[in-house]
Amino acid sequence: MRDQYDFTNSRKNPYFSRLKKQVTIRLGTDVVDYFKRLAEETGIPYQSLIDLYLRDCAHSNRKLELNWQLPAEQAS
């Protein structure tokens, strides 16, 4: 390796803004624990696993099916 490098003619990565976007989301502790266990098994960081899973959902246009029901004591 050189002691010093000359970056005077360098330019910023044009794809930098498209790489990742930092967001804050709230996840259940059970969800985080699940991905952390999976991370230990696979050797992939848990945040990367979450990103990969969500990316797969987005690319396959997967939709979440929700069926909200009131508990029996509130239904009557």
PDB file of N, CA and C in Angstrom:
ATOM      1  N   MET A   1       0.840  -1.188   0.000  1.00  0.00           N
ATOM      2  CA  MET A   1       0.000   0.000   0.000  1.00  0.00           C
ATOM      3  C   MET A   1       0.876   1.240   0.000  1.00  0.00           C
ATOM      4  N   ARG A   2       0.359   2.263  -0.593  1.00  0.00           N
ATOM      5  CA  ARG A   2       1.069   3.537  -0.604  1.00  0.00           C
ATOM      6  C   ARG A   2       0.884   4.230   0.732  1.00  0.00           C
ATOM      7  N   ASP A   3       1.827   5.107   1.043  1.00  0.00           N
ATOM      8  CA  ASP A   3       1.688   5.910   2.254  1.00  0.00           C
ATOM      9  C   ASP A   3       0.606   6.971   2.079  1.00  0.00           C
ATOM     10  N   GLN A   4       0.479   7.495   0.859  1.00  0.00           N
ATOM     11  CA  GLN A   4      -0.531   8.516   0.573  1.00  0.00           C
ATOM     12  C   GLN A   4      -1.143   8.246  -0.794  1.00  0.00           C
ATOM     13  N   TYR A   5      -2.401   8.615  -0.947  1.00  0.00           N
ATOM     14  CA  TYR A   5      -3.093   8.482  -2.222  1.00  0.00           C
ATOM     15  C   TYR A   5      -3.553   9.851  -2.678  1.00  0.00           C
ATOM     16  N   ASP A   6      -3.628  10.049  -3.981  1.00  0.00           N
ATOM     17  CA  ASP A   6      -4.050  11.318  -4.559  1.00  0.00           C
ATOM     18  C   ASP A   6      -5.489  11.178  -5.057  1.00  0.00           C
ATOM     19  N   PHE A   7      -6.410  11.861  -4.395  1.00  0.00           N
ATOM     20  CA  PHE A   7      -7.825  11.813  -4.761  1.00  0.00           C
ATOM     21  C   PHE A   7      -8.293  13.099  -5.429  1.00  0.00           C
ATOM     22  N   THR A   8      -7.391  13.904  -5.949  1.00  0.00           N
ATOM     23  CA  THR A   8      -7.782  15.202  -6.515  1.00  0.00           C
ATOM     24  C   THR A   8      -8.679  15.050  -7.736  1.00  0.00           C
ATOM     25  N   ASN A   9      -8.537  14.006  -8.528  1.00  0.00           N
ATOM     26  CA  ASN A   9      -9.359  13.813  -9.728  1.00  0.00           C
ATOM     27  C   ASN A   9     -10.483  12.798  -9.502  1.00  0.00           C
ATOM     28  N   SER A  10     -10.741  12.464  -8.276  1.00  0.00           N
ATOM     29  CA  SER A  10     -11.781  11.477  -7.992  1.00  0.00           C
ATOM     30  C   SER A  10     -13.164  12.117  -8.061  1.00  0.00           C
ATOM     31  N   ARG A  11     -14.175  11.269  -8.170  1.00  0.00           N
ATOM     32  CA  ARG A  11     -15.558  11.765  -8.169  1.00  0.00           C
ATOM     33  C   ARG A  11     -16.386  10.876  -7.254  1.00  0.00           C
ATOM     34  N   LYS A  12     -17.501  11.410  -6.802  1.00  0.00           N
ATOM     35  CA  LYS A  12     -18.380  10.663  -5.910  1.00  0.00           C
ATOM     36  C   LYS A  12     -19.039   9.522  -6.668  1.00  0.00           C
ATOM     37  N   ASN A  13     -19.386   8.483  -5.945  1.00  0.00           N
ATOM     38  CA  ASN A  13     -20.092   7.348  -6.522  1.00  0.00           C
ATOM     39  C   ASN A  13     -21.481   7.808  -6.976  1.00  0.00           C
ATOM     40  N   PRO A  14     -21.793   7.725  -8.275  1.00  0.00           N
ATOM     41  CA  PRO A  14     -23.099   8.204  -8.747  1.00  0.00           C
ATOM     42  C   PRO A  14     -24.260   7.331  -8.273  1.00  0.00           C
ATOM     43  N   TYR A  15     -23.973   6.130  -7.797  1.00  0.00           N
ATOM     44  CA  TYR A  15     -25.023   5.216  -7.344  1.00  0.00           C
ATOM     45  C   TYR A  15     -25.216   5.254  -5.834  1.00  0.00           C
ATOM     46  N   PHE A  16     -24.470   6.089  -5.141  1.00  0.00           N
ATOM     47  CA  PHE A  16     -24.507   6.118  -3.680  1.00  0.00           C
ATOM     48  C   PHE A  16     -25.911   6.325  -3.131  1.00  0.00           C
ATOM     49  N   SER A  17     -26.651   7.267  -3.697  1.00  0.00           N
ATOM     50  CA  SER A  17     -27.989   7.566  -3.158  1.00  0.00           C
ATOM     51  C   SER A  17     -28.963   6.418  -3.386  1.00  0.00           C
ATOM     52  N   ARG A  18     -28.670   5.526  -4.322  1.00  0.00           N
ATOM     53  CA  ARG A  18     -29.566   4.413  -4.611  1.00  0.00           C
ATOM     54  C   ARG A  18     -29.234   3.156  -3.810  1.00  0.00           C
ATOM     55  N   LEU A  19     -28.117   3.143  -3.114  1.00  0.00           N
ATOM     56  CA  LEU A  19     -27.670   1.926  -2.450  1.00  0.00           C
ATOM     57  C   LEU A  19     -28.564   1.550  -1.280  1.00  0.00           C
ATOM     58  N   LYS A  20     -28.652   2.390  -0.305  1.00  0.00           N
ATOM     59  CA  LYS A  20     -29.455   2.113   0.893  1.00  0.00           C
ATOM     60  C   LYS A  20     -30.014   3.435   1.418  1.00  0.00           C
ATOM     61  N   LYS A  21     -31.117   3.354   2.111  1.00  0.00           N
ATOM     62  CA  LYS A  21     -31.707   4.529   2.752  1.00  0.00           C
ATOM     63  C   LYS A  21     -31.958   4.167   4.202  1.00  0.00           C
ATOM     64  N   GLN A  22     -31.435   4.972   5.103  1.00  0.00           N
ATOM     65  CA  GLN A  22     -31.624   4.706   6.524  1.00  0.00           C
ATOM     66  C   GLN A  22     -33.013   5.157   6.949  1.00  0.00           C
ATOM     67  N   VAL A  23     -33.735   4.242   7.603  1.00  0.00           N
ATOM     68  CA  VAL A  23     -35.065   4.545   8.131  1.00  0.00           C
ATOM     69  C   VAL A  23     -35.152   4.016   9.554  1.00  0.00           C
ATOM     70  N   THR A  24     -36.093   4.533  10.277  1.00  0.00           N
ATOM     71  CA  THR A  24     -36.356   4.040  11.624  1.00  0.00           C
ATOM     72  C   THR A  24     -37.729   3.384  11.613  1.00  0.00           C
ATOM     73  N   ILE A  25     -37.768   2.110  11.984  1.00  0.00           N
ATOM     74  CA  ILE A  25     -39.048   1.412  12.076  1.00  0.00           C
ATOM     75  C   ILE A  25     -39.110   0.683  13.416  1.00  0.00           C
ATOM     76  N   ARG A  26     -40.296   0.452  13.866  1.00  0.00           N
ATOM     77  CA  ARG A  26     -40.493  -0.279  15.118  1.00  0.00           C
ATOM     78  C   ARG A  26     -40.885  -1.706  14.777  1.00  0.00           C
ATOM     79  N   LEU A  27     -40.090  -2.643  15.274  1.00  0.00           N
ATOM     80  CA  LEU A  27     -40.351  -4.062  15.048  1.00  0.00           C
ATOM     81  C   LEU A  27     -40.565  -4.736  16.393  1.00  0.00           C
ATOM     82  N   GLY A  28     -41.401  -5.733  16.409  1.00  0.00           N
ATOM     83  CA  GLY A  28     -41.613  -6.491  17.632  1.00  0.00           C
ATOM     84  C   GLY A  28     -40.334  -7.216  18.031  1.00  0.00           C
ATOM     85  N   THR A  29     -40.143  -7.378  19.333  1.00  0.00           N
ATOM     86  CA  THR A  29     -38.933  -8.052  19.803  1.00  0.00           C
ATOM     87  C   THR A  29     -38.869  -9.493  19.291  1.00  0.00           C
ATOM     88  N   ASP A  30     -40.035 -10.122  19.123  1.00  0.00           N
ATOM     89  CA  ASP A  30     -40.046 -11.485  18.594  1.00  0.00           C
ATOM     90  C   ASP A  30     -39.544 -11.524  17.151  1.00  0.00           C
ATOM     91  N   VAL A  31     -39.858 -10.493  16.375  1.00  0.00           N
ATOM     92  CA  VAL A  31     -39.403 -10.423  14.989  1.00  0.00           C
ATOM     93  C   VAL A  31     -37.886 -10.229  14.942  1.00  0.00           C
ATOM     94  N   VAL A  32     -37.384  -9.312  15.754  1.00  0.00           N
ATOM     95  CA  VAL A  32     -35.946  -9.057  15.793  1.00  0.00           C
ATOM     96  C   VAL A  32     -35.212 -10.307  16.273  1.00  0.00           C
ATOM     97  N   ASP A  33     -35.737 -10.957  17.307  1.00  0.00           N
ATOM     98  CA  ASP A  33     -35.114 -12.180  17.821  1.00  0.00           C
ATOM     99  C   ASP A  33     -35.068 -13.271  16.751  1.00  0.00           C
ATOM    100  N   TYR A  34     -36.150 -13.391  15.981  1.00  0.00           N
ATOM    101  CA  TYR A  34     -36.202 -14.385  14.907  1.00  0.00           C
ATOM    102  C   TYR A  34     -35.073 -14.140  13.897  1.00  0.00           C
ATOM    103  N   PHE A  35     -34.943 -12.891  13.440  1.00  0.00           N
ATOM    104  CA  PHE A  35     -33.925 -12.591  12.443  1.00  0.00           C
ATOM    105  C   PHE A  35     -32.517 -12.667  13.029  1.00  0.00           C
ATOM    106  N   LYS A  36     -32.364 -12.391  14.314  1.00  0.00           N
ATOM    107  CA  LYS A  36     -31.043 -12.534  14.942  1.00  0.00           C
ATOM    108  C   LYS A  36     -30.643 -14.005  15.024  1.00  0.00           C
ATOM    109  N   ARG A  37     -31.611 -14.885  15.342  1.00  0.00           N
ATOM    110  CA  ARG A  37     -31.317 -16.324  15.345  1.00  0.00           C
ATOM    111  C   ARG A  37     -30.960 -16.804  13.947  1.00  0.00           C
ATOM    112  N   LEU A  38     -31.713 -16.348  12.971  1.00  0.00           N
ATOM    113  CA  LEU A  38     -31.434 -16.694  11.590  1.00  0.00           C
ATOM    114  C   LEU A  38     -30.062 -16.177  11.162  1.00  0.00           C
ATOM    115  N   ALA A  39     -29.689 -15.013  11.659  1.00  0.00           N
ATOM    116  CA  ALA A  39     -28.379 -14.437  11.345  1.00  0.00           C
ATOM    117  C   ALA A  39     -27.257 -15.308  11.896  1.00  0.00           C
ATOM    118  N   GLU A  40     -27.449 -15.841  13.099  1.00  0.00           N
ATOM    119  CA  GLU A  40     -26.436 -16.726  13.685  1.00  0.00           C
ATOM    120  C   GLU A  40     -26.275 -17.997  12.859  1.00  0.00           C
ATOM    121  N   GLU A  41     -27.386 -18.515  12.336  1.00  0.00           N
ATOM    122  CA  GLU A  41     -27.348 -19.732  11.534  1.00  0.00           C
ATOM    123  C   GLU A  41     -26.671 -19.512  10.181  1.00  0.00           C
ATOM    124  N   THR A  42     -26.945 -18.357   9.575  1.00  0.00           N
ATOM    125  CA  THR A  42     -26.493 -18.115   8.209  1.00  0.00           C
ATOM    126  C   THR A  42     -25.186 -17.337   8.122  1.00  0.00           C
ATOM    127  N   GLY A  43     -24.854 -16.591   9.181  1.00  0.00           N
ATOM    128  CA  GLY A  43     -23.665 -15.740   9.134  1.00  0.00           C
ATOM    129  C   GLY A  43     -23.907 -14.429   8.407  1.00  0.00           C
ATOM    130  N   ILE A  44     -25.169 -14.126   8.117  1.00  0.00           N
ATOM    131  CA  ILE A  44     -25.545 -12.868   7.461  1.00  0.00           C
ATOM    132  C   ILE A  44     -26.103 -11.944   8.540  1.00  0.00           C
ATOM    133  N   PRO A  45     -25.679 -10.676   8.589  1.00  0.00           N
ATOM    134  CA  PRO A  45     -26.211  -9.756   9.599  1.00  0.00           C
ATOM    135  C   PRO A  45     -27.742  -9.685   9.548  1.00  0.00           C
ATOM    136  N   TYR A  46     -28.352  -9.582  10.726  1.00  0.00           N
ATOM    137  CA  TYR A  46     -29.819  -9.653  10.788  1.00  0.00           C
ATOM    138  C   TYR A  46     -30.493  -8.519  10.035  1.00  0.00           C
ATOM    139  N   GLN A  47     -29.891  -7.332  10.006  1.00  0.00           N
ATOM    140  CA  GLN A  47     -30.491  -6.222   9.258  1.00  0.00           C
ATOM    141  C   GLN A  47     -30.464  -6.513   7.760  1.00  0.00           C
ATOM    142  N   SER A  48     -29.423  -7.176   7.307  1.00  0.00           N
ATOM    143  CA  SER A  48     -29.354  -7.566   5.892  1.00  0.00           C
ATOM    144  C   SER A  48     -30.412  -8.622   5.582  1.00  0.00           C
ATOM    145  N   LEU A  49     -30.643  -9.535   6.513  1.00  0.00           N
ATOM    146  CA  LEU A  49     -31.684 -10.544   6.306  1.00  0.00           C
ATOM    147  C   LEU A  49     -33.061  -9.913   6.205  1.00  0.00           C
ATOM    148  N   ILE A  50     -33.335  -8.945   7.065  1.00  0.00           N
ATOM    149  CA  ILE A  50     -34.620  -8.244   7.007  1.00  0.00           C
ATOM    150  C   ILE A  50     -34.746  -7.540   5.658  1.00  0.00           C
ATOM    151  N   ASP A  51     -33.676  -6.885   5.222  1.00  0.00           N
ATOM    152  CA  ASP A  51     -33.680  -6.196   3.928  1.00  0.00           C
ATOM    153  C   ASP A  51     -33.921  -7.193   2.790  1.00  0.00           C
ATOM    154  N   LEU A  52     -33.239  -8.331   2.827  1.00  0.00           N
ATOM    155  CA  LEU A  52     -33.413  -9.338   1.786  1.00  0.00           C
ATOM    156  C   LEU A  52     -34.843  -9.871   1.748  1.00  0.00           C
ATOM    157  N   TYR A  53     -35.432 -10.098   2.934  1.00  0.00           N
ATOM    158  CA  TYR A  53     -36.804 -10.606   2.995  1.00  0.00           C
ATOM    159  C   TYR A  53     -37.786  -9.578   2.429  1.00  0.00           C
ATOM    160  N   LEU A  54     -37.640  -8.330   2.842  1.00  0.00           N
ATOM    161  CA  LEU A  54     -38.542  -7.285   2.351  1.00  0.00           C
ATOM    162  C   LEU A  54     -38.340  -7.044   0.855  1.00  0.00           C
ATOM    163  N   ARG A  55     -37.094  -7.138   0.397  1.00  0.00           N
ATOM    164  CA  ARG A  55     -36.817  -6.984  -1.036  1.00  0.00           C
ATOM    165  C   ARG A  55     -37.511  -8.104  -1.827  1.00  0.00           C
ATOM    166  N   ASP A  56     -37.441  -9.341  -1.316  1.00  0.00           N
ATOM    167  CA  ASP A  56     -38.107 -10.459  -1.971  1.00  0.00           C
ATOM    168  C   ASP A  56     -39.614 -10.232  -2.036  1.00  0.00           C
ATOM    169  N   CYS A  57     -40.188  -9.729  -0.942  1.00  0.00           N
ATOM    170  CA  CYS A  57     -41.627  -9.428  -0.935  1.00  0.00           C
ATOM    171  C   CYS A  57     -41.964  -8.370  -1.980  1.00  0.00           C
ATOM    172  N   ALA A  58     -41.139  -7.334  -2.058  1.00  0.00           N
ATOM    173  CA  ALA A  58     -41.392  -6.243  -3.007  1.00  0.00           C
ATOM    174  C   ALA A  58     -41.252  -6.725  -4.451  1.00  0.00           C
ATOM    175  N   HIS A  59     -40.219  -7.519  -4.735  1.00  0.00           N
ATOM    176  CA  HIS A  59     -39.993  -7.981  -6.109  1.00  0.00           C
ATOM    177  C   HIS A  59     -41.051  -8.983  -6.565  1.00  0.00           C
ATOM    178  N   SER A  60     -41.560  -9.769  -5.643  1.00  0.00           N
ATOM    179  CA  SER A  60     -42.595 -10.738  -6.020  1.00  0.00           C
ATOM    180  C   SER A  60     -43.996 -10.155  -5.855  1.00  0.00           C
ATOM    181  N   ASN A  61     -44.067  -8.872  -5.500  1.00  0.00           N
ATOM    182  CA  ASN A  61     -45.346  -8.160  -5.348  1.00  0.00           C
ATOM    183  C   ASN A  61     -46.277  -8.878  -4.375  1.00  0.00           C
ATOM    184  N   ARG A  62     -45.682  -9.410  -3.312  1.00  0.00           N
ATOM    185  CA  ARG A  62     -46.439 -10.152  -2.300  1.00  0.00           C
ATOM    186  C   ARG A  62     -47.290  -9.178  -1.483  1.00  0.00           C
ATOM    187  N   LYS A  63     -48.511  -9.539  -1.262  1.00  0.00           N
ATOM    188  CA  LYS A  63     -49.440  -8.723  -0.464  1.00  0.00           C
ATOM    189  C   LYS A  63     -49.754  -9.445   0.843  1.00  0.00           C
ATOM    190  N   LEU A  64     -49.876  -8.677   1.896  1.00  0.00           N
ATOM    191  CA  LEU A  64     -50.226  -9.222   3.193  1.00  0.00           C
ATOM    192  C   LEU A  64     -51.742  -9.324   3.293  1.00  0.00           C
ATOM    193  N   GLU A  65     -52.222 -10.478   3.707  1.00  0.00           N
ATOM    194  CA  GLU A  65     -53.656 -10.657   3.901  1.00  0.00           C
ATOM    195  C   GLU A  65     -53.966 -10.520   5.386  1.00  0.00           C
ATOM    196  N   LEU A  66     -54.770  -9.541   5.713  1.00  0.00           N
ATOM    197  CA  LEU A  66     -55.156  -9.303   7.105  1.00  0.00           C
ATOM    198  C   LEU A  66     -56.630  -9.610   7.271  1.00  0.00           C
ATOM    199  N   ASN A  67     -56.958 -10.244   8.377  1.00  0.00           N
ATOM    200  CA  ASN A  67     -58.338 -10.537   8.707  1.00  0.00           C
ATOM    201  C   ASN A  67     -58.544 -10.099  10.147  1.00  0.00           C
ATOM    202  N   TRP A  68     -58.936  -8.852  10.319  1.00  0.00           N
ATOM    203  CA  TRP A  68     -59.108  -8.301  11.654  1.00  0.00           C
ATOM    204  C   TRP A  68     -60.410  -8.797  12.259  1.00  0.00           C
ATOM    205  N   GLN A  69     -60.322  -9.342  13.457  1.00  0.00           N
ATOM    206  CA  GLN A  69     -61.516  -9.793  14.147  1.00  0.00           C
ATOM    207  C   GLN A  69     -61.455  -9.286  15.581  1.00  0.00           C
ATOM    208  N   LEU A  70     -62.594  -8.864  16.089  1.00  0.00           N
ATOM    209  CA  LEU A  70     -62.681  -8.435  17.476  1.00  0.00           C
ATOM    210  C   LEU A  70     -62.673  -9.660  18.371  1.00  0.00           C
ATOM    211  N   PRO A  71     -62.059  -9.556  19.556  1.00  0.00           N
ATOM    212  CA  PRO A  71     -62.160 -10.654  20.511  1.00  0.00           C
ATOM    213  C   PRO A  71     -63.617 -10.954  20.830  1.00  0.00           C
ATOM    214  N   ALA A  72     -63.927 -12.178  21.196  1.00  0.00           N
ATOM    215  CA  ALA A  72     -65.314 -12.628  21.416  1.00  0.00           C
ATOM    216  C   ALA A  72     -66.051 -11.735  22.403  1.00  0.00           C
ATOM    217  N   GLU A  73     -65.372 -11.270  23.468  1.00  0.00           N
ATOM    218  CA  GLU A  73     -66.073 -10.458  24.471  1.00  0.00           C
ATOM    219  C   GLU A  73     -66.419  -9.071  23.942  1.00  0.00           C
ATOM    220  N   GLN A  74     -65.729  -8.568  22.917  1.00  0.00           N
ATOM    221  CA  GLN A  74     -66.026  -7.253  22.356  1.00  0.00           C
ATOM    222  C   GLN A  74     -66.985  -7.340  21.174  1.00  0.00           C
ATOM    223  N   ALA A  75     -67.155  -8.512  20.604  1.00  0.00           N
ATOM    224  CA  ALA A  75     -67.981  -8.682  19.409  1.00  0.00           C
ATOM    225  C   ALA A  75     -69.473  -8.523  19.728  1.00  0.00           C
ATOM    226  N   SER A  76     -69.896  -8.807  20.933  1.00  0.00           N
ATOM    227  CA  SER A  76     -71.325  -8.742  21.234  1.00  0.00           C
ATOM    228  C   SER A  76     -71.740  -7.413  21.788  1.00  0.00           C
TER     229      SER A  76
END
